[in-house]
């Protein structure tokens, strides 16, 4: 561990994990572990998947899919924003051109 790194203890599906991370990343890591634990418990409690390794893989797959959907939505929003900014810029230019001709 570097000088600024410290160990954070996380509890996921009843097991403790000590992870080294920078102090400014601890809150994010703790929240990520909480979300993973919640997802794994939901999968385990559904009774459809047994075994910690299979539960972990299913949770990872579900979370990766959710991330993929969020990234796709983000790209769509960025494209929409870019198109809106271009339209707004064109309108401003048109207004300025009309003002200059008066």
PDB file of N, CA and C in Angstrom:
ATOM      1  N   UNK A   1       0.832  -1.191   0.000  1.00  0.00           N
ATOM      2  CA  UNK A   1       0.000   0.000   0.000  1.00  0.00           C
ATOM      3  C   UNK A   1       0.870   1.246   0.000  1.00  0.00           C
ATOM      4  N   UNK A   2       0.438   2.252  -0.745  1.00  0.00           N
ATOM      5  CA  UNK A   2       1.174   3.514  -0.737  1.00  0.00           C
ATOM      6  C   UNK A   2       0.867   4.268   0.547  1.00  0.00           C
ATOM      7  N   UNK A   3       1.518   5.373   0.746  1.00  0.00           N
ATOM      8  CA  UNK A   3       1.333   6.138   1.974  1.00  0.00           C
ATOM      9  C   UNK A   3      -0.106   6.576   2.188  1.00  0.00           C
ATOM     10  N   UNK A   4      -0.796   6.942   1.117  1.00  0.00           N
ATOM     11  CA  UNK A   4      -2.156   7.456   1.245  1.00  0.00           C
ATOM     12  C   UNK A   4      -3.219   6.366   1.247  1.00  0.00           C
ATOM     13  N   UNK A   5      -2.832   5.153   0.936  1.00  0.00           N
ATOM     14  CA  UNK A   5      -3.827   4.079   0.863  1.00  0.00           C
ATOM     15  C   UNK A   5      -4.079   3.519   2.244  1.00  0.00           C
ATOM     16  N   UNK A   6      -5.324   3.108   2.436  1.00  0.00           N
ATOM     17  CA  UNK A   6      -5.664   2.435   3.679  1.00  0.00           C
ATOM     18  C   UNK A   6      -6.615   1.302   3.358  1.00  0.00           C
ATOM     19  N   UNK A   7      -6.730   0.381   4.288  1.00  0.00           N
ATOM     20  CA  UNK A   7      -7.594  -0.774   4.066  1.00  0.00           C
ATOM     21  C   UNK A   7      -9.015  -0.444   4.503  1.00  0.00           C
ATOM     22  N   UNK A   8      -9.962  -0.840   3.688  1.00  0.00           N
ATOM     23  CA  UNK A   8     -11.378  -0.679   3.998  1.00  0.00           C
ATOM     24  C   UNK A   8     -11.953  -2.086   4.120  1.00  0.00           C
ATOM     25  N   UNK A   9     -12.721  -2.303   5.169  1.00  0.00           N
ATOM     26  CA  UNK A   9     -13.347  -3.605   5.362  1.00  0.00           C
ATOM     27  C   UNK A   9     -14.761  -3.550   4.799  1.00  0.00           C
ATOM     28  N   UNK A  10     -15.032  -4.462   3.880  1.00  0.00           N
ATOM     29  CA  UNK A  10     -16.343  -4.528   3.240  1.00  0.00           C
ATOM     30  C   UNK A  10     -16.979  -5.863   3.584  1.00  0.00           C
ATOM     31  N   UNK A  11     -18.298  -5.875   3.699  1.00  0.00           N
ATOM     32  CA  UNK A  11     -19.014  -7.104   3.989  1.00  0.00           C
ATOM     33  C   UNK A  11     -19.923  -7.401   2.808  1.00  0.00           C
ATOM     34  N   UNK A  12     -19.666  -8.515   2.137  1.00  0.00           N
ATOM     35  CA  UNK A  12     -20.464  -8.900   0.968  1.00  0.00           C
ATOM     36  C   UNK A  12     -20.944 -10.326   1.178  1.00  0.00           C
ATOM     37  N   UNK A  13     -22.225 -10.483   1.231  1.00  0.00           N
ATOM     38  CA  UNK A  13     -22.879 -11.779   1.407  1.00  0.00           C
ATOM     39  C   UNK A  13     -22.309 -12.525   2.621  1.00  0.00           C
ATOM     40  N   UNK A  14     -22.143 -11.767   3.703  1.00  0.00           N
ATOM     41  CA  UNK A  14     -21.705 -12.366   4.958  1.00  0.00           C
ATOM     42  C   UNK A  14     -20.211 -12.609   5.090  1.00  0.00           C
ATOM     43  N   UNK A  15     -19.446 -12.218   4.095  1.00  0.00           N
ATOM     44  CA  UNK A  15     -17.991 -12.393   4.179  1.00  0.00           C
ATOM     45  C   UNK A  15     -17.321 -11.027   4.195  1.00  0.00           C
ATOM     46  N   UNK A  16     -16.238 -10.935   4.967  1.00  0.00           N
ATOM     47  CA  UNK A  16     -15.489  -9.688   5.041  1.00  0.00           C
ATOM     48  C   UNK A  16     -14.335  -9.698   4.054  1.00  0.00           C
ATOM     49  N   UNK A  17     -14.160  -8.540   3.412  1.00  0.00           N
ATOM     50  CA  UNK A  17     -13.059  -8.350   2.477  1.00  0.00           C
ATOM     51  C   UNK A  17     -12.347  -7.067   2.848  1.00  0.00           C
ATOM     52  N   UNK A  18     -11.022  -7.139   2.956  1.00  0.00           N
ATOM     53  CA  UNK A  18     -10.230  -5.929   3.202  1.00  0.00           C
ATOM     54  C   UNK A  18      -9.636  -5.509   1.873  1.00  0.00           C
ATOM     55  N   UNK A  19      -9.955  -4.287   1.481  1.00  0.00           N
ATOM     56  CA  UNK A  19      -9.525  -3.760   0.190  1.00  0.00           C
ATOM     57  C   UNK A  19      -8.733  -2.478   0.424  1.00  0.00           C
ATOM     58  N   UNK A  20      -7.587  -2.380  -0.223  1.00  0.00           N
ATOM     59  CA  UNK A  20      -6.785  -1.164  -0.126  1.00  0.00           C
ATOM     60  C   UNK A  20      -7.286  -0.154  -1.148  1.00  0.00           C
ATOM     61  N   UNK A  21      -7.452   1.072  -0.695  1.00  0.00           N
ATOM     62  CA  UNK A  21      -7.859   2.122  -1.627  1.00  0.00           C
ATOM     63  C   UNK A  21      -7.484   3.491  -1.057  1.00  0.00           C
ATOM     64  N   UNK A  22      -7.523   4.460  -1.937  1.00  0.00           N
ATOM     65  CA  UNK A  22      -7.225   5.831  -1.539  1.00  0.00           C
ATOM     66  C   UNK A  22      -8.374   6.366  -0.674  1.00  0.00           C
ATOM     67  N   UNK A  23      -8.085   7.248   0.286  1.00  0.00           N
ATOM     68  CA  UNK A  23      -9.143   7.770   1.161  1.00  0.00           C
ATOM     69  C   UNK A  23     -10.315   8.400   0.405  1.00  0.00           C
ATOM     70  N   UNK A  24     -10.024   9.098  -0.687  1.00  0.00           N
ATOM     71  CA  UNK A  24     -11.095   9.757  -1.436  1.00  0.00           C
ATOM     72  C   UNK A  24     -11.975   8.771  -2.208  1.00  0.00           C
ATOM     73  N   UNK A  25     -11.536   7.522  -2.314  1.00  0.00           N
ATOM     74  CA  UNK A  25     -12.308   6.501  -3.019  1.00  0.00           C
ATOM     75  C   UNK A  25     -13.089   5.595  -2.076  1.00  0.00           C
ATOM     76  N   UNK A  26     -12.904   5.759  -0.775  1.00  0.00           N
ATOM     77  CA  UNK A  26     -13.517   4.855   0.198  1.00  0.00           C
ATOM     78  C   UNK A  26     -15.045   4.890   0.162  1.00  0.00           C
ATOM     79  N   UNK A  27     -15.627   6.075   0.085  1.00  0.00           N
ATOM     80  CA  UNK A  27     -17.088   6.162   0.071  1.00  0.00           C
ATOM     81  C   UNK A  27     -17.668   5.468  -1.161  1.00  0.00           C
ATOM     82  N   UNK A  28     -17.065   5.694  -2.309  1.00  0.00           N
ATOM     83  CA  UNK A  28     -17.533   5.061  -3.532  1.00  0.00           C
ATOM     84  C   UNK A  28     -17.382   3.547  -3.488  1.00  0.00           C
ATOM     85  N   UNK A  29     -16.262   3.080  -2.953  1.00  0.00           N
ATOM     86  CA  UNK A  29     -16.032   1.646  -2.836  1.00  0.00           C
ATOM     87  C   UNK A  29     -17.034   1.025  -1.864  1.00  0.00           C
ATOM     88  N   UNK A  30     -17.279   1.686  -0.756  1.00  0.00           N
ATOM     89  CA  UNK A  30     -18.240   1.186   0.229  1.00  0.00           C
ATOM     90  C   UNK A  30     -19.638   1.114  -0.367  1.00  0.00           C
ATOM     91  N   UNK A  31     -20.025   2.134  -1.116  1.00  0.00           N
ATOM     92  CA  UNK A  31     -21.343   2.138  -1.755  1.00  0.00           C
ATOM     93  C   UNK A  31     -21.437   1.050  -2.822  1.00  0.00           C
ATOM     94  N   UNK A  32     -20.375   0.856  -3.578  1.00  0.00           N
ATOM     95  CA  UNK A  32     -20.360  -0.204  -4.589  1.00  0.00           C
ATOM     96  C   UNK A  32     -20.513  -1.573  -3.935  1.00  0.00           C
ATOM     97  N   UNK A  33     -19.826  -1.788  -2.834  1.00  0.00           N
ATOM     98  CA  UNK A  33     -19.929  -3.054  -2.111  1.00  0.00           C
ATOM     99  C   UNK A  33     -21.340  -3.246  -1.560  1.00  0.00           C
ATOM    100  N   UNK A  34     -21.948  -2.172  -1.091  1.00  0.00           N
ATOM    101  CA  UNK A  34     -23.320  -2.249  -0.579  1.00  0.00           C
ATOM    102  C   UNK A  34     -24.280  -2.654  -1.694  1.00  0.00           C
ATOM    103  N   UNK A  35     -24.110  -2.053  -2.871  1.00  0.00           N
ATOM    104  CA  UNK A  35     -24.971  -2.393  -4.001  1.00  0.00           C
ATOM    105  C   UNK A  35     -24.759  -3.847  -4.436  1.00  0.00           C
ATOM    106  N   UNK A  36     -23.512  -4.284  -4.478  1.00  0.00           N
ATOM    107  CA  UNK A  36     -23.205  -5.659  -4.847  1.00  0.00           C
ATOM    108  C   UNK A  36     -23.815  -6.630  -3.837  1.00  0.00           C
ATOM    109  N   UNK A  37     -23.662  -6.333  -2.566  1.00  0.00           N
ATOM    110  CA  UNK A  37     -24.230  -7.176  -1.516  1.00  0.00           C
ATOM    111  C   UNK A  37     -25.750  -7.271  -1.667  1.00  0.00           C
ATOM    112  N   UNK A  38     -26.369  -6.148  -1.927  1.00  0.00           N
ATOM    113  CA  UNK A  38     -27.833  -6.121  -2.101  1.00  0.00           C
ATOM    114  C   UNK A  38     -28.249  -6.988  -3.295  1.00  0.00           C
ATOM    115  N   UNK A  39     -27.549  -6.830  -4.420  1.00  0.00           N
ATOM    116  CA  UNK A  39     -27.856  -7.597  -5.628  1.00  0.00           C
ATOM    117  C   UNK A  39     -27.646  -9.091  -5.376  1.00  0.00           C
ATOM    118  N   UNK A  40     -26.551  -9.442  -4.718  1.00  0.00           N
ATOM    119  CA  UNK A  40     -26.272 -10.856  -4.447  1.00  0.00           C
ATOM    120  C   UNK A  40     -27.314 -11.454  -3.510  1.00  0.00           C
ATOM    121  N   UNK A  41     -27.745 -10.692  -2.519  1.00  0.00           N
ATOM    122  CA  UNK A  41     -28.780 -11.186  -1.601  1.00  0.00           C
ATOM    123  C   UNK A  41     -30.105 -11.389  -2.331  1.00  0.00           C
ATOM    124  N   UNK A  42     -30.435 -10.478  -3.248  1.00  0.00           N
ATOM    125  CA  UNK A  42     -31.670 -10.637  -4.024  1.00  0.00           C
ATOM    126  C   UNK A  42     -31.624 -11.917  -4.848  1.00  0.00           C
ATOM    127  N   UNK A  43     -30.496 -12.167  -5.474  1.00  0.00           N
ATOM    128  CA  UNK A  43     -30.349 -13.365  -6.298  1.00  0.00           C
ATOM    129  C   UNK A  43     -30.409 -14.615  -5.424  1.00  0.00           C
ATOM    130  N   UNK A  44     -29.700 -14.599  -4.314  1.00  0.00           N
ATOM    131  CA  UNK A  44     -29.713 -15.749  -3.404  1.00  0.00           C
ATOM    132  C   UNK A  44     -31.117 -16.011  -2.872  1.00  0.00           C
ATOM    133  N   UNK A  45     -31.803 -14.937  -2.466  1.00  0.00           N
ATOM    134  CA  UNK A  45     -33.136 -15.085  -1.874  1.00  0.00           C
ATOM    135  C   UNK A  45     -34.198 -15.497  -2.885  1.00  0.00           C
ATOM    136  N   UNK A  46     -33.911 -15.297  -4.173  1.00  0.00           N
ATOM    137  CA  UNK A  46     -34.878 -15.724  -5.187  1.00  0.00           C
ATOM    138  C   UNK A  46     -34.942 -17.241  -5.265  1.00  0.00           C
ATOM    139  N   UNK A  47     -33.886 -17.913  -4.809  1.00  0.00           N
ATOM    140  CA  UNK A  47     -33.846 -19.363  -4.800  1.00  0.00           C
ATOM    141  C   UNK A  47     -33.536 -19.985  -6.151  1.00  0.00           C
ATOM    142  N   UNK A  48     -33.314 -19.161  -7.167  1.00  0.00           N
ATOM    143  CA  UNK A  48     -33.062 -19.690  -8.508  1.00  0.00           C
ATOM    144  C   UNK A  48     -31.592 -20.042  -8.729  1.00  0.00           C
ATOM    145  N   UNK A  49     -30.707 -19.441  -7.927  1.00  0.00           N
ATOM    146  CA  UNK A  49     -29.271 -19.670  -8.085  1.00  0.00           C
ATOM    147  C   UNK A  49     -28.698 -20.012  -6.721  1.00  0.00           C
ATOM    148  N   UNK A  50     -27.862 -21.041  -6.670  1.00  0.00           N
ATOM    149  CA  UNK A  50     -27.230 -21.396  -5.402  1.00  0.00           C
ATOM    150  C   UNK A  50     -25.713 -21.410  -5.582  1.00  0.00           C
ATOM    151  N   UNK A  51     -25.029 -21.254  -4.501  1.00  0.00           N
ATOM    152  CA  UNK A  51     -23.570 -21.213  -4.535  1.00  0.00           C
ATOM    153  C   UNK A  51     -23.087 -19.788  -4.693  1.00  0.00           C
ATOM    154  N   UNK A  52     -22.188 -19.393  -3.798  1.00  0.00           N
ATOM    155  CA  UNK A  52     -21.699 -18.011  -3.793  1.00  0.00           C
ATOM    156  C   UNK A  52     -21.051 -17.613  -5.107  1.00  0.00           C
ATOM    157  N   UNK A  53     -20.318 -18.550  -5.728  1.00  0.00           N
ATOM    158  CA  UNK A  53     -19.647 -18.201  -6.978  1.00  0.00           C
ATOM    159  C   UNK A  53     -20.663 -17.935  -8.091  1.00  0.00           C
ATOM    160  N   UNK A  54     -21.707 -18.739  -8.169  1.00  0.00           N
ATOM    161  CA  UNK A  54     -22.735 -18.526  -9.199  1.00  0.00           C
ATOM    162  C   UNK A  54     -23.529 -17.253  -8.919  1.00  0.00           C
ATOM    163  N   UNK A  55     -23.813 -17.003  -7.644  1.00  0.00           N
ATOM    164  CA  UNK A  55     -24.525 -15.778  -7.264  1.00  0.00           C
ATOM    165  C   UNK A  55     -23.690 -14.560  -7.649  1.00  0.00           C
ATOM    166  N   UNK A  56     -22.376 -14.650  -7.392  1.00  0.00           N
ATOM    167  CA  UNK A  56     -21.485 -13.534  -7.731  1.00  0.00           C
ATOM    168  C   UNK A  56     -21.455 -13.288  -9.234  1.00  0.00           C
ATOM    169  N   UNK A  57     -21.391 -14.364 -10.017  1.00  0.00           N
ATOM    170  CA  UNK A  57     -21.366 -14.212 -11.479  1.00  0.00           C
ATOM    171  C   UNK A  57     -22.679 -13.605 -11.971  1.00  0.00           C
ATOM    172  N   UNK A  58     -23.794 -14.075 -11.451  1.00  0.00           N
ATOM    173  CA  UNK A  58     -25.088 -13.531 -11.870  1.00  0.00           C
ATOM    174  C   UNK A  58     -25.205 -12.052 -11.482  1.00  0.00           C
ATOM    175  N   UNK A  59     -24.754 -11.707 -10.273  1.00  0.00           N
ATOM    176  CA  UNK A  59     -24.789 -10.312  -9.840  1.00  0.00           C
ATOM    177  C   UNK A  59     -23.907  -9.453 -10.734  1.00  0.00           C
ATOM    178  N   UNK A  60     -22.715  -9.947 -11.050  1.00  0.00           N
ATOM    179  CA  UNK A  60     -21.804  -9.202 -11.927  1.00  0.00           C
ATOM    180  C   UNK A  60     -22.410  -9.023 -13.312  1.00  0.00           C
ATOM    181  N   UNK A  61     -23.019 -10.074 -13.819  1.00  0.00           N
ATOM    182  CA  UNK A  61     -23.649 -10.000 -15.133  1.00  0.00           C
ATOM    183  C   UNK A  61     -24.805  -9.000 -15.129  1.00  0.00           C
ATOM    184  N   UNK A  62     -25.637  -9.046 -14.100  1.00  0.00           N
ATOM    185  CA  UNK A  62     -26.748  -8.095 -13.995  1.00  0.00           C
ATOM    186  C   UNK A  62     -26.242  -6.658 -13.907  1.00  0.00           C
ATOM    187  N   UNK A  63     -25.224  -6.444 -13.092  1.00  0.00           N
ATOM    188  CA  UNK A  63     -24.696  -5.093 -12.919  1.00  0.00           C
ATOM    189  C   UNK A  63     -23.995  -4.609 -14.186  1.00  0.00           C
ATOM    190  N   UNK A  64     -23.309  -5.511 -14.891  1.00  0.00           N
ATOM    191  CA  UNK A  64     -22.664  -5.134 -16.156  1.00  0.00           C
ATOM    192  C   UNK A  64     -23.722  -4.754 -17.191  1.00  0.00           C
ATOM    193  N   UNK A  65     -24.825  -5.488 -17.204  1.00  0.00           N
ATOM    194  CA  UNK A  65     -25.921  -5.167 -18.125  1.00  0.00           C
ATOM    195  C   UNK A  65     -26.523  -3.799 -17.793  1.00  0.00           C
ATOM    196  N   UNK A  66     -26.749  -3.540 -16.511  1.00  0.00           N
ATOM    197  CA  UNK A  66     -27.271  -2.237 -16.091  1.00  0.00           C
ATOM    198  C   UNK A  66     -26.314  -1.116 -16.483  1.00  0.00           C
ATOM    199  N   UNK A  67     -25.013  -1.346 -16.327  1.00  0.00           N
ATOM    200  CA  UNK A  67     -24.014  -0.350 -16.723  1.00  0.00           C
ATOM    201  C   UNK A  67     -24.062  -0.117 -18.222  1.00  0.00           C
ATOM    202  N   UNK A  68     -24.169  -1.191 -18.994  1.00  0.00           N
ATOM    203  CA  UNK A  68     -24.257  -1.072 -20.448  1.00  0.00           C
ATOM    204  C   UNK A  68     -25.474  -0.242 -20.850  1.00  0.00           C
ATOM    205  N   UNK A  69     -26.620  -0.505 -20.228  1.00  0.00           N
ATOM    206  CA  UNK A  69     -27.827   0.273 -20.529  1.00  0.00           C
ATOM    207  C   UNK A  69     -27.636   1.750 -20.174  1.00  0.00           C
ATOM    208  N   UNK A  70     -27.019   2.009 -19.034  1.00  0.00           N
ATOM    209  CA  UNK A  70     -26.787   3.390 -18.611  1.00  0.00           C
ATOM    210  C   UNK A  70     -25.824   4.096 -19.567  1.00  0.00           C
ATOM    211  N   UNK A  71     -24.779   3.404 -20.009  1.00  0.00           N
ATOM    212  CA  UNK A  71     -23.834   4.004 -20.953  1.00  0.00           C
ATOM    213  C   UNK A  71     -24.512   4.290 -22.288  1.00  0.00           C
ATOM    214  N   UNK A  72     -25.356   3.367 -22.749  1.00  0.00           N
ATOM    215  CA  UNK A  72     -26.088   3.579 -24.008  1.00  0.00           C
ATOM    216  C   UNK A  72     -26.998   4.790 -23.889  1.00  0.00           C
ATOM    217  N   UNK A  73     -27.697   4.886 -22.770  1.00  0.00           N
ATOM    218  CA  UNK A  73     -28.605   6.023 -22.531  1.00  0.00           C
ATOM    219  C   UNK A  73     -27.796   7.320 -22.465  1.00  0.00           C
ATOM    220  N   UNK A  74     -26.631   7.276 -21.852  1.00  0.00           N
ATOM    221  CA  UNK A  74     -25.779   8.455 -21.752  1.00  0.00           C
ATOM    222  C   UNK A  74     -25.337   8.919 -23.140  1.00  0.00           C
ATOM    223  N   UNK A  75     -24.968   7.955 -24.010  1.00  0.00           N
ATOM    224  CA  UNK A  75     -24.580   8.319 -25.383  1.00  0.00           C
ATOM    225  C   UNK A  75     -25.753   8.971 -26.115  1.00  0.00           C
ATOM    226  N   UNK A  76     -26.949   8.423 -25.925  1.00  0.00           N
ATOM    227  CA  UNK A  76     -28.135   9.012 -26.560  1.00  0.00           C
ATOM    228  C   UNK A  76     -28.369  10.442 -26.071  1.00  0.00           C
ATOM    229  N   UNK A  77     -28.232  10.646 -24.765  1.00  0.00           N
ATOM    230  CA  UNK A  77     -28.428  11.978 -24.198  1.00  0.00           C
ATOM    231  C   UNK A  77     -27.363  12.959 -24.678  1.00  0.00           C
ATOM    232  N   UNK A  78     -26.119  12.487 -24.785  1.00  0.00           N
ATOM    233  CA  UNK A  78     -25.048  13.350 -25.295  1.00  0.00           C
ATOM    234  C   UNK A  78     -25.319  13.759 -26.736  1.00  0.00           C
ATOM    235  N   UNK A  79     -25.785  12.820 -27.543  1.00  0.00           N
ATOM    236  CA  UNK A  79     -26.108  13.115 -28.935  1.00  0.00           C
ATOM    237  C   UNK A  79     -27.249  14.120 -29.012  1.00  0.00           C
ATOM    238  N   UNK A  80     -28.267  13.911 -28.205  1.00  0.00           N
ATOM    239  CA  UNK A  80     -29.410  14.825 -28.182  1.00  0.00           C
ATOM    240  C   UNK A  80     -28.968  16.224 -27.740  1.00  0.00           C
ATOM    241  N   UNK A  81     -28.122  16.280 -26.720  1.00  0.00           N
ATOM    242  CA  UNK A  81     -27.622  17.566 -26.239  1.00  0.00           C
ATOM    243  C   UNK A  81     -26.811  18.264 -27.323  1.00  0.00           C
ATOM    244  N   UNK A  82     -25.970  17.512 -28.002  1.00  0.00           N
ATOM    245  CA  UNK A  82     -25.148  18.075 -29.074  1.00  0.00           C
ATOM    246  C   UNK A  82     -26.039  18.641 -30.187  1.00  0.00           C
ATOM    247  N   UNK A  83     -27.063  17.896 -30.581  1.00  0.00           N
ATOM    248  CA  UNK A  83     -27.990  18.366 -31.612  1.00  0.00           C
ATOM    249  C   UNK A  83     -28.725  19.620 -31.155  1.00  0.00           C
ATOM    250  N   UNK A  84     -29.142  19.649 -29.902  1.00  0.00           N
ATOM    251  CA  UNK A  84     -29.842  20.815 -29.362  1.00  0.00           C
ATOM    252  C   UNK A  84     -28.934  22.038 -29.337  1.00  0.00           C
ATOM    253  N   UNK A  85     -27.672  21.839 -28.966  1.00  0.00           N
ATOM    254  CA  UNK A  85     -26.727  22.959 -28.937  1.00  0.00           C
ATOM    255  C   UNK A  85     -26.458  23.502 -30.339  1.00  0.00           C
ATOM    256  N   UNK A  86     -26.374  22.619 -31.318  1.00  0.00           N
ATOM    257  CA  UNK A  86     -26.174  23.060 -32.703  1.00  0.00           C
ATOM    258  C   UNK A  86     -27.372  23.875 -33.174  1.00  0.00           C
ATOM    259  N   UNK A  87     -28.585  23.388 -32.893  1.00  0.00           N
ATOM    260  CA  UNK A  87     -29.801  24.120 -33.279  1.00  0.00           C
ATOM    261  C   UNK A  87     -29.844  25.485 -32.600  1.00  0.00           C
ATOM    262  N   UNK A  88     -29.513  25.523 -31.305  1.00  0.00           N
ATOM    263  CA  UNK A  88     -29.535  26.780 -30.564  1.00  0.00           C
ATOM    264  C   UNK A  88     -28.493  27.743 -31.127  1.00  0.00           C
ATOM    265  N   UNK A  89     -27.317  27.237 -31.432  1.00  0.00           N
ATOM    266  CA  UNK A  89     -26.262  28.061 -31.998  1.00  0.00           C
ATOM    267  C   UNK A  89     -26.701  28.647 -33.343  1.00  0.00           C
ATOM    268  N   UNK A  90     -27.344  27.815 -34.182  1.00  0.00           N
ATOM    269  CA  UNK A  90     -27.842  28.303 -35.480  1.00  0.00           C
ATOM    270  C   UNK A  90     -28.887  29.396 -35.296  1.00  0.00           C
ATOM    271  N   UNK A  91     -29.781  29.211 -34.326  1.00  0.00           N
ATOM    272  CA  UNK A  91     -30.806  30.236 -34.063  1.00  0.00           C
ATOM    273  C   UNK A  91     -30.170  31.542 -33.609  1.00  0.00           C
ATOM    274  N   UNK A  92     -29.169  31.443 -32.744  1.00  0.00           N
ATOM    275  CA  UNK A  92     -28.482  32.647 -32.264  1.00  0.00           C
ATOM    276  C   UNK A  92     -27.793  33.354 -33.421  1.00  0.00           C
ATOM    277  N   UNK A  93     -27.122  32.576 -34.280  1.00  0.00           N
ATOM    278  CA  UNK A  93     -26.458  33.169 -35.434  1.00  0.00           C
ATOM    279  C   UNK A  93     -27.458  33.855 -36.352  1.00  0.00           C
ATOM    280  N   UNK A  94     -28.619  33.242 -36.557  1.00  0.00           N
ATOM    281  CA  UNK A  94     -29.658  33.854 -37.392  1.00  0.00           C
ATOM    282  C   UNK A  94     -30.155  35.157 -36.801  1.00  0.00           C
ATOM    283  N   UNK A  95     -30.371  35.164 -35.500  1.00  0.00           N
ATOM    284  CA  UNK A  95     -30.836  36.380 -34.832  1.00  0.00           C
ATOM    285  C   UNK A  95     -29.768  37.476 -34.955  1.00  0.00           C
ATOM    286  N   UNK A  96     -28.519  37.126 -34.753  1.00  0.00           N
ATOM    287  CA  UNK A  96     -27.440  38.105 -34.852  1.00  0.00           C
ATOM    288  C   UNK A  96     -27.304  38.644 -36.274  1.00  0.00           C
ATOM    289  N   UNK A  97     -27.475  37.783 -37.283  1.00  0.00           N
ATOM    290  CA  UNK A  97     -27.418  38.226 -38.673  1.00  0.00           C
ATOM    291  C   UNK A  97     -28.543  39.204 -38.971  1.00  0.00           C
ATOM    292  N   UNK A  98     -29.723  38.915 -38.482  1.00  0.00           N
ATOM    293  CA  UNK A  98     -30.879  39.817 -38.698  1.00  0.00           C
ATOM    294  C   UNK A  98     -30.622  41.143 -37.998  1.00  0.00           C
ATOM    295  N   UNK A  99     -30.068  41.109 -36.794  1.00  0.00           N
ATOM    296  CA  UNK A  99     -29.797  42.333 -36.044  1.00  0.00           C
ATOM    297  C   UNK A  99     -28.737  43.183 -36.755  1.00  0.00           C
ATOM    298  N   UNK A 100     -27.752  42.532 -37.386  1.00  0.00           N
ATOM    299  CA  UNK A 100     -26.686  43.264 -38.068  1.00  0.00           C
ATOM    300  C   UNK A 100     -27.202  43.945 -39.331  1.00  0.00           C
ATOM    301  N   UNK A 101     -28.197  43.354 -39.973  1.00  0.00           N
ATOM    302  CA  UNK A 101     -28.699  43.940 -41.203  1.00  0.00           C
ATOM    303  C   UNK A 101     -29.626  45.119 -40.951  1.00  0.00           C
ATOM    304  N   UNK A 102     -30.044  45.323 -39.759  1.00  0.00           N
ATOM    305  CA  UNK A 102     -30.944  46.451 -39.444  1.00  0.00           C
ATOM    306  C   UNK A 102     -30.220  47.709 -39.196  1.00  0.00           C
TER     307      UNK A 102
END
